């Protein structure tokens, strides 16, 4: 497994874990946004720009959710 594939596996796994834990703390919503940004970077780095674009949109949506959540 090359480094790019490991990076992608890490990003998507982090997305799954943080999404699952979102109800426990608003910080997991921020972590999910960060994980989506990592997934977006992975998509663009591997040349799958549609995946990178969609993950980038998810990162923005999750960040907006985190901003709008009560502390």
N, C-alpha and C. Protein backbone atom coordinates (compact mmCIF):
# COMPACT_ATOMS: atom_id res chain seq x y z
N UNK A 1 0.85 -1.16 0.00
CA UNK A 1 0.00 0.00 0.00
C UNK A 1 0.90 1.24 0.00
N UNK A 2 0.65 2.16 -0.92
CA UNK A 2 1.47 3.36 -0.98
C UNK A 2 0.97 4.42 0.01
N UNK A 3 1.75 5.50 0.13
CA UNK A 3 1.44 6.54 1.12
C UNK A 3 0.13 7.25 0.82
N UNK A 4 -0.16 7.47 -0.45
CA UNK A 4 -1.40 8.15 -0.81
C UNK A 4 -2.62 7.31 -0.42
N UNK A 5 -2.55 6.02 -0.65
CA UNK A 5 -3.65 5.13 -0.27
C UNK A 5 -3.83 5.10 1.24
N UNK A 6 -2.73 5.06 1.98
CA UNK A 6 -2.81 5.10 3.44
C UNK A 6 -3.43 6.41 3.93
N UNK A 7 -3.06 7.50 3.29
CA UNK A 7 -3.64 8.81 3.63
C UNK A 7 -5.15 8.78 3.39
N UNK A 8 -5.57 8.24 2.26
CA UNK A 8 -7.00 8.14 1.96
C UNK A 8 -7.74 7.26 2.96
N UNK A 9 -7.14 6.16 3.32
CA UNK A 9 -7.74 5.26 4.31
C UNK A 9 -7.88 5.97 5.65
N UNK A 10 -6.85 6.71 6.04
CA UNK A 10 -6.91 7.46 7.29
C UNK A 10 -8.03 8.51 7.24
N UNK A 11 -8.09 9.27 6.15
CA UNK A 11 -9.09 10.34 6.02
C UNK A 11 -10.50 9.79 6.09
N UNK A 12 -10.78 8.75 5.33
CA UNK A 12 -12.13 8.19 5.30
C UNK A 12 -12.48 7.51 6.62
N UNK A 13 -11.52 6.85 7.24
CA UNK A 13 -11.76 6.23 8.55
C UNK A 13 -12.05 7.30 9.60
N UNK A 14 -11.31 8.40 9.56
CA UNK A 14 -11.55 9.49 10.49
C UNK A 14 -12.93 10.10 10.27
N UNK A 15 -13.34 10.20 9.01
CA UNK A 15 -14.69 10.69 8.71
C UNK A 15 -15.74 9.80 9.36
N UNK A 16 -15.58 8.51 9.22
CA UNK A 16 -16.54 7.56 9.77
C UNK A 16 -16.62 7.66 11.29
N UNK A 17 -15.47 7.69 11.94
CA UNK A 17 -15.43 7.74 13.40
C UNK A 17 -16.03 9.04 13.91
N UNK A 18 -15.62 10.17 13.34
CA UNK A 18 -16.12 11.45 13.84
C UNK A 18 -17.60 11.63 13.53
N UNK A 19 -18.06 11.13 12.41
CA UNK A 19 -19.49 11.20 12.11
C UNK A 19 -20.30 10.41 13.13
N UNK A 20 -19.79 9.25 13.48
CA UNK A 20 -20.47 8.40 14.46
C UNK A 20 -20.54 9.06 15.83
N UNK A 21 -19.53 9.84 16.19
CA UNK A 21 -19.45 10.44 17.51
C UNK A 21 -20.02 11.86 17.59
N UNK A 22 -20.57 12.38 16.50
CA UNK A 22 -21.03 13.77 16.47
C UNK A 22 -22.00 14.14 17.58
N UNK A 23 -22.86 13.23 18.00
CA UNK A 23 -23.86 13.54 19.01
C UNK A 23 -23.25 13.68 20.41
N UNK A 24 -22.04 13.21 20.60
CA UNK A 24 -21.39 13.28 21.92
C UNK A 24 -20.86 14.66 22.24
N UNK A 25 -20.39 15.38 21.22
CA UNK A 25 -19.81 16.70 21.45
C UNK A 25 -19.79 17.48 20.15
N UNK A 26 -19.94 18.79 20.27
CA UNK A 26 -19.88 19.62 19.06
C UNK A 26 -18.48 19.62 18.45
N UNK A 27 -17.49 19.25 19.23
CA UNK A 27 -16.12 19.19 18.70
C UNK A 27 -15.96 18.08 17.67
N UNK A 28 -16.77 17.05 17.76
CA UNK A 28 -16.71 16.00 16.74
C UNK A 28 -17.25 16.49 15.40
N UNK A 29 -18.14 17.45 15.42
CA UNK A 29 -18.63 18.05 14.18
C UNK A 29 -17.48 18.79 13.50
N UNK A 30 -16.69 19.52 14.28
CA UNK A 30 -15.52 20.20 13.73
C UNK A 30 -14.49 19.18 13.22
N UNK A 31 -14.30 18.12 13.97
CA UNK A 31 -13.37 17.07 13.54
C UNK A 31 -13.86 16.41 12.26
N UNK A 32 -15.18 16.25 12.13
CA UNK A 32 -15.74 15.70 10.89
C UNK A 32 -15.46 16.63 9.71
N UNK A 33 -15.60 17.94 9.94
CA UNK A 33 -15.30 18.90 8.88
C UNK A 33 -13.83 18.78 8.45
N UNK A 34 -12.95 18.65 9.42
CA UNK A 34 -11.53 18.49 9.13
C UNK A 34 -11.27 17.19 8.36
N UNK A 35 -11.92 16.11 8.78
CA UNK A 35 -11.76 14.82 8.10
C UNK A 35 -12.28 14.91 6.66
N UNK A 36 -13.38 15.62 6.45
CA UNK A 36 -13.89 15.81 5.09
C UNK A 36 -12.90 16.59 4.23
N UNK A 37 -12.25 17.59 4.83
CA UNK A 37 -11.24 18.35 4.10
C UNK A 37 -10.06 17.45 3.73
N UNK A 38 -9.69 16.55 4.64
CA UNK A 38 -8.63 15.58 4.31
C UNK A 38 -9.08 14.65 3.19
N UNK A 39 -10.34 14.21 3.24
CA UNK A 39 -10.87 13.37 2.18
C UNK A 39 -10.89 14.10 0.85
N UNK A 40 -11.21 15.38 0.88
CA UNK A 40 -11.19 16.19 -0.33
C UNK A 40 -9.79 16.28 -0.91
N UNK A 41 -8.83 16.53 -0.04
CA UNK A 41 -7.43 16.59 -0.50
C UNK A 41 -7.01 15.26 -1.12
N UNK A 42 -7.40 14.18 -0.50
CA UNK A 42 -7.09 12.86 -1.04
C UNK A 42 -7.70 12.68 -2.43
N UNK A 43 -8.96 13.06 -2.59
CA UNK A 43 -9.61 12.94 -3.89
C UNK A 43 -8.88 13.70 -4.97
N UNK A 44 -8.50 14.94 -4.68
CA UNK A 44 -7.77 15.73 -5.67
C UNK A 44 -6.38 15.16 -5.93
N UNK A 45 -5.69 14.71 -4.89
CA UNK A 45 -4.35 14.16 -5.06
C UNK A 45 -4.35 12.89 -5.90
N UNK A 46 -5.38 12.10 -5.78
CA UNK A 46 -5.42 10.86 -6.53
C UNK A 46 -5.96 11.07 -7.94
N UNK A 47 -6.50 12.25 -8.20
CA UNK A 47 -7.00 12.55 -9.54
C UNK A 47 -8.49 12.33 -9.70
N UNK A 48 -9.18 12.04 -8.62
CA UNK A 48 -10.63 11.84 -8.66
C UNK A 48 -11.29 13.15 -8.24
N UNK A 49 -11.24 14.14 -9.12
CA UNK A 49 -11.71 15.48 -8.75
C UNK A 49 -13.19 15.53 -8.36
N UNK A 50 -14.09 14.69 -8.93
CA UNK A 50 -15.47 14.75 -8.43
C UNK A 50 -15.57 14.37 -6.95
N UNK A 51 -14.82 13.36 -6.54
CA UNK A 51 -14.79 12.97 -5.13
C UNK A 51 -14.22 14.10 -4.28
N UNK A 52 -13.14 14.69 -4.74
CA UNK A 52 -12.53 15.80 -4.02
C UNK A 52 -13.47 16.99 -3.89
N UNK A 53 -14.21 17.26 -4.94
CA UNK A 53 -15.16 18.38 -4.92
C UNK A 53 -16.30 18.12 -3.94
N UNK A 54 -16.88 16.93 -3.99
CA UNK A 54 -17.99 16.60 -3.09
C UNK A 54 -17.53 16.59 -1.63
N UNK A 55 -16.38 16.05 -1.36
CA UNK A 55 -15.87 16.05 0.01
C UNK A 55 -15.58 17.47 0.49
N UNK A 56 -15.13 18.33 -0.41
CA UNK A 56 -14.92 19.73 -0.06
C UNK A 56 -16.23 20.41 0.32
N UNK A 57 -17.29 20.11 -0.42
CA UNK A 57 -18.61 20.66 -0.09
C UNK A 57 -19.07 20.15 1.27
N UNK A 58 -18.87 18.86 1.54
CA UNK A 58 -19.23 18.30 2.85
C UNK A 58 -18.45 18.99 3.97
N UNK A 59 -17.18 19.30 3.71
CA UNK A 59 -16.37 19.98 4.72
C UNK A 59 -16.96 21.35 5.04
N UNK A 60 -17.39 22.07 4.02
CA UNK A 60 -17.98 23.39 4.22
C UNK A 60 -19.30 23.28 4.98
N UNK A 61 -20.12 22.31 4.61
CA UNK A 61 -21.40 22.10 5.29
C UNK A 61 -21.18 21.76 6.77
N UNK A 62 -20.24 20.87 7.04
CA UNK A 62 -19.97 20.48 8.43
C UNK A 62 -19.40 21.65 9.22
N UNK A 63 -18.55 22.45 8.60
CA UNK A 63 -18.00 23.61 9.30
C UNK A 63 -19.11 24.61 9.62
N UNK A 64 -20.03 24.81 8.69
CA UNK A 64 -21.16 25.71 8.94
C UNK A 64 -22.03 25.16 10.07
N UNK A 65 -22.25 23.85 10.09
CA UNK A 65 -23.01 23.24 11.18
C UNK A 65 -22.34 23.49 12.52
N UNK A 66 -21.00 23.34 12.56
CA UNK A 66 -20.28 23.56 13.81
C UNK A 66 -20.40 25.01 14.27
N UNK A 67 -20.31 25.95 13.33
CA UNK A 67 -20.42 27.37 13.67
C UNK A 67 -21.81 27.68 14.23
N UNK A 68 -22.84 27.06 13.65
CA UNK A 68 -24.22 27.32 14.06
C UNK A 68 -24.66 26.59 15.32
N UNK A 69 -23.87 25.62 15.78
CA UNK A 69 -24.24 24.87 16.98
C UNK A 69 -24.05 25.72 18.23
N UNK A 70 -24.93 25.54 19.21
CA UNK A 70 -24.70 26.24 20.49
C UNK A 70 -23.51 25.60 21.22
N UNK A 71 -22.76 26.41 21.88
CA UNK A 71 -21.54 25.92 22.55
C UNK A 71 -21.82 25.09 23.75
